[in-house]
Amino acid sequence: MLRERILNFVFAFGLLAVPLIAYVSDAPFVITLATKVAILALAGVGLNIALGLGGLISLGHAAFFGIGGYAMGILASHAQSYTLLTTWPFEIAGTKSMLIIWVVALASSGLAALIIGALSLRTSGAYFIMITLAFGQMLFFFAISWPAYGGEDGLPIYLRNGFPGLNTLDPIQFFTITYVILGLALFLSSRLSKSRFGLALQATRQNPERVEAVGMRPFNIRLTAFLISGMITGLAGALFADLNRFVSPSMFSWQTSGEIMVFVILGGVGRLYGPVAGAALFILLEHWLGGINDYWQFLLGLILLGVVLFARGGLIGTLVGREVAHD
């Protein structure tokens, strides 16, 4: 437990130190890479609640990632075009305020997670995996056929949204926002895992029959975890779209769901900082190996295969040895 806490501190400090050094060295691209790591790690934290604590293998978390992204894109596009968003029976003005956009992203992705979870959690195993995948693909094809917001070409946003007191176009200030949000999500995940709800969720993963025998409903516990998981991933989607100032149907794709799962597996399923370690490793490999070979994903696949076969605790599990996960 102590070794994992020390390692968690190293990852937290490292993710903060790299952009600060890059800022001093006038290397904005490195700051952007660190921001991308923080946002993708946030999406991984969301999935890790469902997968690491609840044992819910979801291949549809891109649905929530994309909903968060489109929540940002739609509101920001109406703000920059000075048009109203007509949603019967209301007409809603767009906004460039991050705080409002985050609330909308959390609410919309949460509603989607509630609906998808309520239907998907009536199954288990391979059926649950395929249903979550199907929902993600349904939204992917819907976004492609939605010409009002770019269709398959996506939707560009000319200016980054605003946050009170900060210049979000400054890379280091935008990184600070994402880093703080990631820290809050990690704190929530840590508290959740040690709470009575977290213990009930882990018990449901291990033996749902016993949980039901003591008067709790495994379905409700799993649905709550899936809801929280989807909302965090949706917030990550809004931040990712803001980082790129662009939203596209690819945010809904099964490849995106797979990448989020890769972050968790590489770092360590059920490990608190597993998504951070996994996202950092993924981005580093993409940056370094991508500059060497166009087929860098093949090398990533070999690394992932090695982790699954020989280091099932992921990067953090390998470094700390046989310690309890998610401390």
C-alpha atoms as a PDB file:
ATOM      1  CA  MET A   1       0.000   0.000   0.000  1.00  0.00           C
ATOM      2  CA  LEU A   2       2.790   2.411   0.875  1.00  0.00           C
ATOM      3  CA  ARG A   3       4.673   1.680  -2.345  1.00  0.00           C
ATOM      4  CA  GLU A   4       1.563   2.317  -4.400  1.00  0.00           C
ATOM      5  CA  ARG A   5       0.927   5.625  -2.630  1.00  0.00           C
ATOM      6  CA  ILE A   6       4.479   6.702  -3.360  1.00  0.00           C
ATOM      7  CA  LEU A   7       4.108   5.659  -6.993  1.00  0.00           C
ATOM      8  CA  ASN A   8       0.798   7.513  -7.256  1.00  0.00           C
ATOM      9  CA  PHE A   9       2.512  10.646  -5.951  1.00  0.00           C
ATOM     10  CA  VAL A  10       5.281  10.209  -8.545  1.00  0.00           C
ATOM     11  CA  PHE A  11       2.742  10.024 -11.368  1.00  0.00           C
ATOM     12  CA  ALA A  12       0.768  12.987 -10.026  1.00  0.00           C
ATOM     13  CA  PHE A  13       3.903  15.094  -9.584  1.00  0.00           C
ATOM     14  CA  GLY A  14       5.341  13.975 -12.935  1.00  0.00           C
ATOM     15  CA  LEU A  15       2.181  14.921 -14.827  1.00  0.00           C
ATOM     16  CA  LEU A  16       2.364  18.367 -13.221  1.00  0.00           C
ATOM     17  CA  ALA A  17       6.115  18.835 -13.564  1.00  0.00           C
ATOM     18  CA  VAL A  18       6.380  18.048 -17.285  1.00  0.00           C
ATOM     19  CA  PRO A  19       4.184  20.929 -18.516  1.00  0.00           C
ATOM     20  CA  LEU A  20       5.714  23.332 -16.006  1.00  0.00           C
ATOM     21  CA  ILE A  21       9.191  22.522 -17.339  1.00  0.00           C
ATOM     22  CA  ALA A  22       7.836  22.808 -20.885  1.00  0.00           C
ATOM     23  CA  TYR A  23       6.358  26.211 -20.024  1.00  0.00           C
ATOM     24  CA  VAL A  24       9.708  27.474 -18.777  1.00  0.00           C
ATOM     25  CA  SER A  25      11.389  25.991 -21.861  1.00  0.00           C
ATOM     26  CA  ASP A  26       8.783  27.540 -24.193  1.00  0.00           C
ATOM     27  CA  ALA A  27       7.563  24.165 -25.524  1.00  0.00           C
ATOM     28  CA  PRO A  28       3.770  24.548 -25.866  1.00  0.00           C
ATOM     29  CA  PHE A  29       3.440  21.282 -27.802  1.00  0.00           C
ATOM     30  CA  VAL A  30       4.630  19.305 -24.765  1.00  0.00           C
ATOM     31  CA  ILE A  31       2.064  21.121 -22.619  1.00  0.00           C
ATOM     32  CA  THR A  32      -0.631  20.093 -25.100  1.00  0.00           C
ATOM     33  CA  LEU A  33       0.540  16.471 -24.893  1.00  0.00           C
ATOM     34  CA  ALA A  34       0.350  16.606 -21.079  1.00  0.00           C
ATOM     35  CA  THR A  35      -3.140  18.109 -21.330  1.00  0.00           C
ATOM     36  CA  LYS A  36      -4.176  15.275 -23.624  1.00  0.00           C
ATOM     37  CA  VAL A  37      -2.828  12.759 -21.106  1.00  0.00           C
ATOM     38  CA  ALA A  38      -4.840  14.380 -18.299  1.00  0.00           C
ATOM     39  CA  ILE A  39      -8.069  14.360 -20.326  1.00  0.00           C
ATOM     40  CA  LEU A  40      -7.694  10.777 -21.550  1.00  0.00           C
ATOM     41  CA  ALA A  41      -6.753   9.693 -18.031  1.00  0.00           C
ATOM     42  CA  LEU A  42     -10.001  11.303 -16.843  1.00  0.00           C
ATOM     43  CA  ALA A  43     -11.939   9.173 -19.333  1.00  0.00           C
ATOM     44  CA  GLY A  44     -10.021   6.150 -18.038  1.00  0.00           C
ATOM     45  CA  VAL A  45     -10.913   7.024 -14.436  1.00  0.00           C
ATOM     46  CA  GLY A  46     -14.560   6.933 -15.476  1.00  0.00           C
ATOM     47  CA  LEU A  47     -14.232   3.509 -17.082  1.00  0.00           C
ATOM     48  CA  ASN A  48     -12.123   2.214 -14.187  1.00  0.00           C
ATOM     49  CA  ILE A  49     -15.032   2.762 -11.793  1.00  0.00           C
ATOM     50  CA  ALA A  50     -17.224   0.467 -13.886  1.00  0.00           C
ATOM     51  CA  LEU A  51     -14.482  -1.981 -14.907  1.00  0.00           C
ATOM     52  CA  GLY A  52     -12.058  -1.980 -11.999  1.00  0.00           C
ATOM     53  CA  LEU A  53     -14.572  -1.780  -9.161  1.00  0.00           C
ATOM     54  CA  GLY A  54     -17.684  -3.255 -10.753  1.00  0.00           C
ATOM     55  CA  GLY A  55     -16.207  -5.729 -13.226  1.00  0.00           C
ATOM     56  CA  LEU A  56     -18.357  -4.224 -16.007  1.00  0.00           C
ATOM     57  CA  ILE A  57     -16.505  -4.694 -19.295  1.00  0.00           C
ATOM     58  CA  SER A  58     -17.967  -1.897 -21.401  1.00  0.00           C
ATOM     59  CA  LEU A  59     -17.012  -1.387 -25.028  1.00  0.00           C
ATOM     60  CA  GLY A  60     -19.431   1.498 -25.355  1.00  0.00           C
ATOM     61  CA  HIS A  61     -17.902   4.214 -23.184  1.00  0.00           C
ATOM     62  CA  ALA A  62     -17.147   6.175 -26.341  1.00  0.00           C
ATOM     63  CA  ALA A  63     -20.900   6.891 -26.350  1.00  0.00           C
ATOM     64  CA  PHE A  64     -20.511   9.038 -23.226  1.00  0.00           C
ATOM     65  CA  PHE A  65     -17.192  10.486 -24.439  1.00  0.00           C
ATOM     66  CA  GLY A  66     -18.870  11.555 -27.682  1.00  0.00           C
ATOM     67  CA  ILE A  67     -21.997  12.903 -25.984  1.00  0.00           C
ATOM     68  CA  GLY A  68     -19.827  15.112 -23.791  1.00  0.00           C
ATOM     69  CA  GLY A  69     -17.926  16.283 -26.864  1.00  0.00           C
ATOM     70  CA  TYR A  70     -21.062  17.075 -28.840  1.00  0.00           C
ATOM     71  CA  ALA A  71     -22.599  18.846 -25.843  1.00  0.00           C
ATOM     72  CA  MET A  72     -19.624  21.198 -25.981  1.00  0.00           C
ATOM     73  CA  GLY A  73     -19.654  21.440 -29.776  1.00  0.00           C
ATOM     74  CA  ILE A  74     -23.355  22.166 -30.141  1.00  0.00           C
ATOM     75  CA  LEU A  75     -23.499  24.819 -27.418  1.00  0.00           C
ATOM     76  CA  ALA A  76     -20.289  26.513 -28.587  1.00  0.00           C
ATOM     77  CA  SER A  77     -21.305  26.457 -32.274  1.00  0.00           C
ATOM     78  CA  HIS A  78     -24.594  28.202 -31.519  1.00  0.00           C
ATOM     79  CA  ALA A  79     -22.743  30.765 -29.415  1.00  0.00           C
ATOM     80  CA  GLN A  80     -20.253  31.528 -32.195  1.00  0.00           C
ATOM     81  CA  SER A  81     -22.994  31.727 -34.871  1.00  0.00           C
ATOM     82  CA  TYR A  82     -25.387  33.725 -32.631  1.00  0.00           C
ATOM     83  CA  THR A  83     -28.236  31.296 -33.294  1.00  0.00           C
ATOM     84  CA  LEU A  84     -30.655  29.587 -30.931  1.00  0.00           C
ATOM     85  CA  LEU A  85     -30.685  25.869 -30.251  1.00  0.00           C
ATOM     86  CA  THR A  86     -34.295  24.851 -30.878  1.00  0.00           C
ATOM     87  CA  THR A  87     -35.301  21.947 -28.670  1.00  0.00           C
ATOM     88  CA  TRP A  88     -39.057  21.602 -28.529  1.00  0.00           C
ATOM     89  CA  PRO A  89     -40.700  23.299 -26.710  1.00  0.00           C
ATOM     90  CA  PHE A  90     -37.683  25.451 -25.773  1.00  0.00           C
ATOM     91  CA  GLU A  91     -35.222  27.689 -27.580  1.00  0.00           C
ATOM     92  CA  ILE A  92     -31.819  27.669 -25.894  1.00  0.00           C
ATOM     93  CA  ALA A  93     -28.989  30.093 -26.577  1.00  0.00           C
ATOM     94  CA  GLY A  94     -25.519  28.673 -27.037  1.00  0.00           C
ATOM     95  CA  THR A  95     -22.745  29.430 -24.592  1.00  0.00           C
ATOM     96  CA  LYS A  96     -18.968  29.703 -24.446  1.00  0.00           C
ATOM     97  CA  SER A  97     -18.844  29.213 -20.686  1.00  0.00           C
ATOM     98  CA  MET A  98     -16.992  26.057 -19.689  1.00  0.00           C
ATOM     99  CA  LEU A  99     -18.867  25.793 -16.403  1.00  0.00           C
ATOM    100  CA  ILE A 100     -22.267  25.671 -18.131  1.00  0.00           C
ATOM    101  CA  ILE A 101     -20.974  23.322 -20.814  1.00  0.00           C
ATOM    102  CA  TRP A 102     -19.604  20.935 -18.186  1.00  0.00           C
ATOM    103  CA  VAL A 103     -22.974  20.816 -16.421  1.00  0.00           C
ATOM    104  CA  VAL A 104     -24.715  20.040 -19.722  1.00  0.00           C
ATOM    105  CA  ALA A 105     -22.086  17.405 -20.603  1.00  0.00           C
ATOM    106  CA  LEU A 106     -22.460  15.744 -17.195  1.00  0.00           C
ATOM    107  CA  ALA A 107     -26.254  15.790 -17.395  1.00  0.00           C
ATOM    108  CA  SER A 108     -26.523  14.521 -20.970  1.00  0.00           C
ATOM    109  CA  SER A 109     -23.916  11.778 -20.578  1.00  0.00           C
ATOM    110  CA  GLY A 110     -25.470  10.836 -17.224  1.00  0.00           C
ATOM    111  CA  LEU A 111     -28.920  10.501 -18.808  1.00  0.00           C
ATOM    112  CA  ALA A 112     -27.450   8.377 -21.593  1.00  0.00           C
ATOM    113  CA  ALA A 113     -25.603   6.201 -19.067  1.00  0.00           C
ATOM    114  CA  LEU A 114     -28.818   5.741 -17.102  1.00  0.00           C
ATOM    115  CA  ILE A 115     -30.735   4.584 -20.181  1.00  0.00           C
ATOM    116  CA  ILE A 116     -27.946   2.449 -21.656  1.00  0.00           C
ATOM    117  CA  GLY A 117     -27.102   0.973 -18.272  1.00  0.00           C
ATOM    118  CA  ALA A 118     -30.735   0.164 -17.443  1.00  0.00           C
ATOM    119  CA  LEU A 119     -30.976  -1.856 -20.662  1.00  0.00           C
ATOM    120  CA  SER A 120     -27.466  -3.332 -20.826  1.00  0.00           C
ATOM    121  CA  LEU A 121     -27.255  -4.437 -17.190  1.00  0.00           C
ATOM    122  CA  ARG A 122     -30.138  -6.833 -17.705  1.00  0.00           C
ATOM    123  CA  THR A 123     -27.529  -8.991 -19.412  1.00  0.00           C
ATOM    124  CA  SER A 124     -24.031 -10.072 -18.429  1.00  0.00           C
ATOM    125  CA  GLY A 125     -20.778 -11.348 -19.896  1.00  0.00           C
ATOM    126  CA  ALA A 126     -20.404 -11.228 -23.675  1.00  0.00           C
ATOM    127  CA  TYR A 127     -23.981  -9.990 -24.092  1.00  0.00           C
ATOM    128  CA  PHE A 128     -23.274  -6.925 -21.935  1.00  0.00           C
ATOM    129  CA  ILE A 129     -20.118  -6.188 -23.945  1.00  0.00           C
ATOM    130  CA  MET A 130     -21.964  -6.429 -27.264  1.00  0.00           C
ATOM    131  CA  ILE A 131     -24.934  -4.307 -26.143  1.00  0.00           C
ATOM    132  CA  THR A 132     -22.706  -1.482 -24.902  1.00  0.00           C
ATOM    133  CA  LEU A 133     -20.746  -1.702 -28.167  1.00  0.00           C
ATOM    134  CA  ALA A 134     -23.997  -1.553 -30.140  1.00  0.00           C
ATOM    135  CA  PHE A 135     -25.146   1.616 -28.353  1.00  0.00           C
ATOM    136  CA  GLY A 136     -21.843   3.303 -29.115  1.00  0.00           C
ATOM    137  CA  GLN A 137     -22.072   2.372 -32.799  1.00  0.00           C
ATOM    138  CA  MET A 138     -25.676   3.575 -32.985  1.00  0.00           C
ATOM    139  CA  LEU A 139     -24.594   7.007 -31.780  1.00  0.00           C
ATOM    140  CA  PHE A 140     -21.597   6.929 -34.124  1.00  0.00           C
ATOM    141  CA  PHE A 141     -23.805   6.432 -37.193  1.00  0.00           C
ATOM    142  CA  PHE A 142     -26.317   8.966 -35.889  1.00  0.00           C
ATOM    143  CA  ALA A 143     -23.556  11.585 -35.637  1.00  0.00           C
ATOM    144  CA  ILE A 144     -22.394  10.778 -39.180  1.00  0.00           C
ATOM    145  CA  SER A 145     -25.919  11.351 -40.505  1.00  0.00           C
ATOM    146  CA  TRP A 146     -26.471  14.601 -38.543  1.00  0.00           C
ATOM    147  CA  PRO A 147     -25.713  17.311 -41.145  1.00  0.00           C
ATOM    148  CA  ALA A 148     -26.831  20.169 -38.871  1.00  0.00           C
ATOM    149  CA  TYR A 149     -23.643  19.637 -36.865  1.00  0.00           C
ATOM    150  CA  GLY A 150     -21.159  18.664 -39.537  1.00  0.00           C
ATOM    151  CA  GLY A 151     -22.096  15.070 -40.242  1.00  0.00           C
ATOM    152  CA  GLU A 152     -19.071  12.929 -40.994  1.00  0.00           C
ATOM    153  CA  ASP A 153     -16.908  16.034 -41.476  1.00  0.00           C
ATOM    154  CA  GLY A 154     -17.244  17.035 -37.841  1.00  0.00           C
ATOM    155  CA  LEU A 155     -17.844  20.418 -36.265  1.00  0.00           C
ATOM    156  CA  PRO A 156     -15.053  23.011 -35.829  1.00  0.00           C
ATOM    157  CA  ILE A 157     -15.081  25.491 -32.949  1.00  0.00           C
ATOM    158  CA  TYR A 158     -13.085  28.620 -33.705  1.00  0.00           C
ATOM    159  CA  LEU A 159     -12.299  29.764 -30.168  1.00  0.00           C
ATOM    160  CA  ARG A 160     -11.807  27.761 -26.991  1.00  0.00           C
ATOM    161  CA  ASN A 161     -14.525  28.210 -24.387  1.00  0.00           C
ATOM    162  CA  GLY A 162     -13.946  30.491 -21.426  1.00  0.00           C
ATOM    163  CA  PHE A 163     -13.341  29.914 -17.736  1.00  0.00           C
ATOM    164  CA  PRO A 164     -13.696  32.769 -15.185  1.00  0.00           C
ATOM    165  CA  GLY A 165     -10.369  34.451 -14.452  1.00  0.00           C
ATOM    166  CA  LEU A 166      -8.298  32.352 -16.873  1.00  0.00           C
ATOM    167  CA  ASN A 167      -7.115  32.627 -20.468  1.00  0.00           C
ATOM    168  CA  THR A 168      -7.991  29.167 -21.772  1.00  0.00           C
ATOM    169  CA  LEU A 169      -6.106  29.779 -25.021  1.00  0.00           C
ATOM    170  CA  ASP A 170      -2.901  29.753 -22.975  1.00  0.00           C
ATOM    171  CA  PRO A 171      -1.817  26.067 -22.977  1.00  0.00           C
ATOM    172  CA  ILE A 172      -0.528  26.060 -19.394  1.00  0.00           C
ATOM    173  CA  GLN A 173      -3.733  27.605 -18.035  1.00  0.00           C
ATOM    174  CA  PHE A 174      -5.925  25.128 -19.896  1.00  0.00           C
ATOM    175  CA  PHE A 175      -3.721  22.299 -18.621  1.00  0.00           C
ATOM    176  CA  THR A 176      -4.248  23.572 -15.072  1.00  0.00           C
ATOM    177  CA  ILE A 177      -8.020  23.239 -15.510  1.00  0.00           C
ATOM    178  CA  THR A 178      -7.766  19.653 -16.770  1.00  0.00           C
ATOM    179  CA  TYR A 179      -5.243  18.700 -14.091  1.00  0.00           C
ATOM    180  CA  VAL A 180      -7.477  19.961 -11.281  1.00  0.00           C
ATOM    181  CA  ILE A 181     -10.512  18.154 -12.707  1.00  0.00           C
ATOM    182  CA  LEU A 182      -8.480  14.940 -13.009  1.00  0.00           C
ATOM    183  CA  GLY A 183      -7.388  15.319  -9.385  1.00  0.00           C
ATOM    184  CA  LEU A 184     -11.006  15.757  -8.263  1.00  0.00           C
ATOM    185  CA  ALA A 185     -12.063  12.681 -10.242  1.00  0.00           C
ATOM    186  CA  LEU A 186      -9.254  10.619  -8.706  1.00  0.00           C
ATOM    187  CA  PHE A 187     -10.262  11.812  -5.236  1.00  0.00           C
ATOM    188  CA  LEU A 188     -13.880  10.824  -5.944  1.00  0.00           C
ATOM    189  CA  SER A 189     -12.767   7.425  -7.237  1.00  0.00           C
ATOM    190  CA  SER A 190     -10.623   6.853  -4.149  1.00  0.00           C
ATOM    191  CA  ARG A 191     -13.409   7.826  -1.742  1.00  0.00           C
ATOM    192  CA  LEU A 192     -15.906   5.793  -3.710  1.00  0.00           C
ATOM    193  CA  SER A 193     -13.797   2.631  -3.529  1.00  0.00           C
ATOM    194  CA  LYS A 194     -13.524   2.910   0.264  1.00  0.00           C
ATOM    195  CA  SER A 195     -17.161   3.833   0.885  1.00  0.00           C
ATOM    196  CA  ARG A 196     -19.939   1.434   1.745  1.00  0.00           C
ATOM    197  CA  PHE A 197     -21.205   1.770  -1.810  1.00  0.00           C
ATOM    198  CA  GLY A 198     -17.770   0.907  -3.205  1.00  0.00           C
ATOM    199  CA  LEU A 199     -17.508  -2.147  -0.978  1.00  0.00           C
ATOM    200  CA  ALA A 200     -20.997  -3.235  -2.064  1.00  0.00           C
ATOM    201  CA  LEU A 201     -20.009  -2.741  -5.711  1.00  0.00           C
ATOM    202  CA  GLN A 202     -16.904  -4.886  -5.305  1.00  0.00           C
ATOM    203  CA  ALA A 203     -18.954  -7.523  -3.490  1.00  0.00           C
ATOM    204  CA  THR A 204     -21.455  -7.475  -6.349  1.00  0.00           C
ATOM    205  CA  ARG A 205     -18.620  -8.087  -8.800  1.00  0.00           C
ATOM    206  CA  GLN A 206     -17.396 -11.076  -6.773  1.00  0.00           C
ATOM    207  CA  ASN A 207     -20.638 -12.676  -5.609  1.00  0.00           C
ATOM    208  CA  PRO A 208     -23.929 -10.994  -6.600  1.00  0.00           C
ATOM    209  CA  GLU A 209     -25.991 -13.813  -5.066  1.00  0.00           C
ATOM    210  CA  ARG A 210     -24.666 -13.123  -1.572  1.00  0.00           C
ATOM    211  CA  VAL A 211     -25.220  -9.387  -2.017  1.00  0.00           C
ATOM    212  CA  GLU A 212     -28.833 -10.045  -2.947  1.00  0.00           C
ATOM    213  CA  ALA A 213     -29.187 -12.447   0.004  1.00  0.00           C
ATOM    214  CA  VAL A 214     -28.358  -9.644   2.483  1.00  0.00           C
ATOM    215  CA  GLY A 215     -31.091  -7.395   1.071  1.00  0.00           C
ATOM    216  CA  MET A 216     -29.239  -5.265  -1.511  1.00  0.00           C
ATOM    217  CA  ARG A 217     -30.057  -5.138  -5.206  1.00  0.00           C
ATOM    218  CA  PRO A 218     -27.003  -5.797  -7.414  1.00  0.00           C
ATOM    219  CA  PHE A 219     -28.742  -4.213 -10.417  1.00  0.00           C
ATOM    220  CA  ASN A 220     -29.183  -0.861  -8.645  1.00  0.00           C
ATOM    221  CA  ILE A 221     -25.589  -0.898  -7.387  1.00  0.00           C
ATOM    222  CA  ARG A 222     -24.198  -1.610 -10.853  1.00  0.00           C
ATOM    223  CA  LEU A 223     -26.466   0.966 -12.480  1.00  0.00           C
ATOM    224  CA  THR A 224     -25.288   3.661 -10.063  1.00  0.00           C
ATOM    225  CA  ALA A 225     -21.647   2.813 -10.786  1.00  0.00           C
ATOM    226  CA  PHE A 226     -22.345   2.843 -14.534  1.00  0.00           C
ATOM    227  CA  LEU A 227     -24.033   6.245 -14.188  1.00  0.00           C
ATOM    228  CA  ILE A 228     -21.078   7.785 -12.325  1.00  0.00           C
ATOM    229  CA  SER A 229     -18.672   6.188 -14.783  1.00  0.00           C
ATOM    230  CA  GLY A 230     -20.527   7.582 -17.804  1.00  0.00           C
ATOM    231  CA  MET A 231     -20.722  11.105 -16.372  1.00  0.00           C
ATOM    232  CA  ILE A 232     -16.968  11.287 -15.718  1.00  0.00           C
ATOM    233  CA  THR A 233     -16.227   9.987 -19.219  1.00  0.00           C
ATOM    234  CA  GLY A 234     -18.680  12.519 -20.689  1.00  0.00           C
ATOM    235  CA  LEU A 235     -16.888  15.373 -18.913  1.00  0.00           C
ATOM    236  CA  ALA A 236     -13.618  14.102 -20.399  1.00  0.00           C
ATOM    237  CA  GLY A 237     -15.237  14.207 -23.841  1.00  0.00           C
ATOM    238  CA  ALA A 238     -16.213  17.865 -23.391  1.00  0.00           C
ATOM    239  CA  LEU A 239     -12.651  18.752 -22.361  1.00  0.00           C
ATOM    240  CA  PHE A 240     -11.164  16.747 -25.250  1.00  0.00           C
ATOM    241  CA  ALA A 241     -13.356  18.566 -27.779  1.00  0.00           C
ATOM    242  CA  ASP A 242     -12.384  21.884 -26.184  1.00  0.00           C
ATOM    243  CA  LEU A 243      -8.702  20.983 -26.400  1.00  0.00           C
ATOM    244  CA  ASN A 244      -8.938  20.258 -30.120  1.00  0.00           C
ATOM    245  CA  ARG A 245     -11.615  22.892 -30.792  1.00  0.00           C
ATOM    246  CA  PHE A 246     -13.228  20.240 -32.945  1.00  0.00           C
ATOM    247  CA  VAL A 247     -15.794  17.491 -32.445  1.00  0.00           C
ATOM    248  CA  SER A 248     -16.369  14.579 -34.825  1.00  0.00           C
ATOM    249  CA  PRO A 249     -18.239  11.256 -34.992  1.00  0.00           C
ATOM    250  CA  SER A 250     -14.946   9.431 -34.345  1.00  0.00           C
ATOM    251  CA  MET A 251     -15.425  10.275 -30.661  1.00  0.00           C
ATOM    252  CA  PHE A 252     -18.262   7.712 -30.692  1.00  0.00           C
ATOM    253  CA  SER A 253     -16.319   4.990 -32.495  1.00  0.00           C
ATOM    254  CA  TRP A 254     -15.537   1.574 -31.062  1.00  0.00           C
ATOM    255  CA  GLN A 255     -11.841   2.394 -31.515  1.00  0.00           C
ATOM    256  CA  THR A 256     -12.239   5.203 -28.981  1.00  0.00           C
ATOM    257  CA  SER A 257     -13.902   2.801 -26.537  1.00  0.00           C
ATOM    258  CA  GLY A 258     -11.021   0.398 -27.100  1.00  0.00           C
ATOM    259  CA  GLU A 259      -8.410   3.076 -26.472  1.00  0.00           C
ATOM    260  CA  ILE A 260     -10.027   4.090 -23.181  1.00  0.00           C
ATOM    261  CA  MET A 261      -9.962   0.448 -22.110  1.00  0.00           C
ATOM    262  CA  VAL A 262      -6.317   0.179 -23.188  1.00  0.00           C
ATOM    263  CA  PHE A 263      -5.425   3.057 -20.831  1.00  0.00           C
ATOM    264  CA  VAL A 264      -6.946   1.175 -17.921  1.00  0.00           C
ATOM    265  CA  ILE A 265      -5.360  -2.175 -18.812  1.00  0.00           C
ATOM    266  CA  LEU A 266      -1.902  -0.730 -19.443  1.00  0.00           C
ATOM    267  CA  GLY A 267      -1.895   1.166 -16.147  1.00  0.00           C
ATOM    268  CA  GLY A 268      -3.628  -1.505 -14.094  1.00  0.00           C
ATOM    269  CA  VAL A 269      -7.302  -2.426 -13.806  1.00  0.00           C
ATOM    270  CA  GLY A 270      -8.650  -1.351 -10.422  1.00  0.00           C
ATOM    271  CA  ARG A 271      -5.557   0.726  -9.596  1.00  0.00           C
ATOM    272  CA  LEU A 272      -6.385   4.296  -8.634  1.00  0.00           C
ATOM    273  CA  TYR A 273      -3.686   5.844 -10.850  1.00  0.00           C
ATOM    274  CA  GLY A 274      -3.856   3.073 -13.446  1.00  0.00           C
ATOM    275  CA  PRO A 275      -5.644   5.269 -16.021  1.00  0.00           C
ATOM    276  CA  VAL A 276      -3.063   8.039 -15.518  1.00  0.00           C
ATOM    277  CA  ALA A 277      -0.135   5.680 -16.030  1.00  0.00           C
ATOM    278  CA  GLY A 278      -1.838   3.998 -18.975  1.00  0.00           C
ATOM    279  CA  ALA A 279      -2.780   7.252 -20.725  1.00  0.00           C
ATOM    280  CA  ALA A 280       0.743   8.637 -20.234  1.00  0.00           C
ATOM    281  CA  LEU A 281       2.317   5.461 -21.635  1.00  0.00           C
ATOM    282  CA  PHE A 282      -0.092   5.435 -24.588  1.00  0.00           C
ATOM    283  CA  ILE A 283       0.579   9.078 -25.533  1.00  0.00           C
ATOM    284  CA  LEU A 284       4.344   8.611 -25.173  1.00  0.00           C
ATOM    285  CA  LEU A 285       4.251   5.556 -27.418  1.00  0.00           C
ATOM    286  CA  GLU A 286       2.064   7.377 -29.935  1.00  0.00           C
ATOM    287  CA  HIS A 287       4.436  10.360 -29.970  1.00  0.00           C
ATOM    288  CA  TRP A 288       7.738   8.482 -30.045  1.00  0.00           C
ATOM    289  CA  LEU A 289       6.882   5.384 -32.040  1.00  0.00           C
ATOM    290  CA  GLY A 290       4.570   7.312 -34.361  1.00  0.00           C
ATOM    291  CA  GLY A 291       7.542   9.391 -35.456  1.00  0.00           C
ATOM    292  CA  ILE A 292       9.529   6.252 -36.235  1.00  0.00           C
ATOM    293  CA  ASN A 293       6.973   4.023 -37.895  1.00  0.00           C
ATOM    294  CA  ASP A 294       3.450   4.484 -39.247  1.00  0.00           C
ATOM    295  CA  TYR A 295       2.531   1.074 -37.841  1.00  0.00           C
ATOM    296  CA  TRP A 296       3.260   1.947 -34.228  1.00  0.00           C
ATOM    297  CA  GLN A 297      -0.070   0.400 -33.184  1.00  0.00           C
ATOM    298  CA  PHE A 298       1.444  -3.007 -33.949  1.00  0.00           C
ATOM    299  CA  LEU A 299       4.125  -2.378 -31.332  1.00  0.00           C
ATOM    300  CA  LEU A 300       1.460  -1.114 -28.925  1.00  0.00           C
ATOM    301  CA  GLY A 301      -0.431  -4.353 -29.517  1.00  0.00           C
ATOM    302  CA  LEU A 302       2.647  -6.381 -28.591  1.00  0.00           C
ATOM    303  CA  ILE A 303       3.073  -4.355 -25.387  1.00  0.00           C
ATOM    304  CA  LEU A 304      -0.606  -4.799 -24.526  1.00  0.00           C
ATOM    305  CA  LEU A 305      -0.328  -8.537 -25.182  1.00  0.00           C
ATOM    306  CA  GLY A 306       2.661  -8.699 -22.849  1.00  0.00           C
ATOM    307  CA  VAL A 307       0.769  -6.842 -20.122  1.00  0.00           C
ATOM    308  CA  VAL A 308      -2.241  -9.147 -20.389  1.00  0.00           C
ATOM    309  CA  LEU A 309      -0.128 -12.325 -20.370  1.00  0.00           C
ATOM    310  CA  PHE A 310       2.690 -11.480 -17.979  1.00  0.00           C
ATOM    311  CA  ALA A 311       1.763  -8.300 -16.040  1.00  0.00           C
ATOM    312  CA  ARG A 312      -1.951  -8.477 -15.370  1.00  0.00           C
ATOM    313  CA  GLY A 313      -1.644  -5.767 -12.736  1.00  0.00           C
ATOM    314  CA  GLY A 314      -0.540  -3.356 -15.446  1.00  0.00           C
ATOM    315  CA  LEU A 315       2.316  -0.908 -15.119  1.00  0.00           C
ATOM    316  CA  ILE A 316       1.479   0.069 -11.542  1.00  0.00           C
ATOM    317  CA  GLY A 317       0.802  -3.503 -10.456  1.00  0.00           C
ATOM    318  CA  THR A 318       4.177  -4.581 -11.832  1.00  0.00           C
ATOM    319  CA  LEU A 319       6.043  -1.778 -10.075  1.00  0.00           C
ATOM    320  CA  VAL A 320       4.414  -2.196  -6.649  1.00  0.00           C
ATOM    321  CA  GLY A 321       4.169  -5.992  -6.594  1.00  0.00           C
ATOM    322  CA  ARG A 322       1.412  -7.822  -4.751  1.00  0.00           C
ATOM    323  CA  GLU A 323      -0.330  -4.960  -3.056  1.00  0.00           C
ATOM    324  CA  VAL A 324      -4.040  -4.350  -2.778  1.00  0.00           C
ATOM    325  CA  ALA A 325      -5.433  -2.583  -5.836  1.00  0.00           C
ATOM    326  CA  HIS A 326      -7.136   0.803  -5.800  1.00  0.00           C
ATOM    327  CA  ASP A 327      -5.517   2.108  -2.638  1.00  0.00           C
END
